[in-house]
Amino acid sequence: MDPKNGKHILDVGCGTGDLVNTISKAGCSVVGIDKLIKMIQHTKSKDPNIPFYV
């Protein structure tokens, strides 16, 4: 994956959100989705500015 500033990325199955956070820091607009509520709660605590959905 080659995230570039200004790209829009959807991470389906984002899990712990580590990749989402890395992509966001590269300047991409990113959204994370996971089926587990506990994972989403954990990922939101890392960066509340990134949208995560169940």
Protein backbone atom coordinates (compact mmCIF):
# COMPACT_ATOMS: atom_id res chain seq x y z
CA MET A 1 0.00 0.00 0.00
CA ASP A 2 1.26 3.44 -0.89
CA PRO A 3 -0.84 6.02 0.99
CA LYS A 4 -0.44 9.50 -0.44
CA ASN A 5 -1.63 12.85 0.84
CA GLY A 6 -5.19 13.58 -0.28
CA LYS A 7 -6.31 10.00 -0.97
CA HIS A 8 -9.55 8.65 0.51
CA ILE A 9 -9.26 5.17 2.01
CA LEU A 10 -11.80 2.82 3.59
CA ASP A 11 -10.32 0.14 5.86
CA VAL A 12 -12.84 -2.69 6.18
CA GLY A 13 -11.95 -4.95 9.09
CA CYS A 14 -9.75 -2.30 10.70
CA GLY A 15 -9.28 -4.28 13.93
CA THR A 16 -7.02 -2.38 16.33
CA GLY A 17 -6.83 0.65 14.03
CA ASP A 18 -3.04 0.70 13.77
CA LEU A 19 -3.07 0.76 9.95
CA VAL A 20 -5.80 3.41 9.92
CA ASN A 21 -3.70 5.64 12.18
CA THR A 22 -0.60 5.17 10.02
CA ILE A 23 -2.56 6.00 6.86
CA SER A 24 -4.08 9.08 8.51
CA LYS A 25 -0.63 10.35 9.49
CA ALA A 26 0.40 10.05 5.83
CA GLY A 27 -2.21 12.70 5.02
CA CYS A 28 -5.02 10.47 3.77
CA SER A 29 -8.67 10.81 4.63
CA VAL A 30 -9.49 7.43 6.16
CA VAL A 31 -12.49 5.66 7.66
CA GLY A 32 -12.28 2.42 9.63
CA ILE A 33 -14.99 -0.25 9.83
CA ASP A 34 -15.05 -3.37 11.97
CA LYS A 35 -17.80 -5.76 13.07
CA LEU A 36 -16.65 -5.88 16.70
CA ILE A 37 -17.83 -3.06 18.94
CA LYS A 38 -14.92 -3.62 21.37
CA MET A 39 -12.40 -3.11 18.55
CA ILE A 40 -14.06 0.13 17.48
CA GLN A 41 -14.11 1.41 21.07
CA HIS A 42 -10.40 0.61 21.37
CA THR A 43 -9.50 2.29 18.06
CA LYS A 44 -11.47 5.45 18.87
CA SER A 45 -9.36 5.89 21.99
CA LYS A 46 -6.21 6.10 19.82
CA ASP A 47 -7.41 8.98 17.65
CA PRO A 48 -10.91 10.39 18.20
CA ASN A 49 -10.65 12.47 14.99
CA ILE A 50 -10.73 9.42 12.72
CA PRO A 51 -14.24 8.10 12.01
CA PHE A 52 -14.77 4.44 12.94
CA TYR A 53 -17.99 2.49 12.45
CA VAL A 54 -19.39 -0.91 13.40
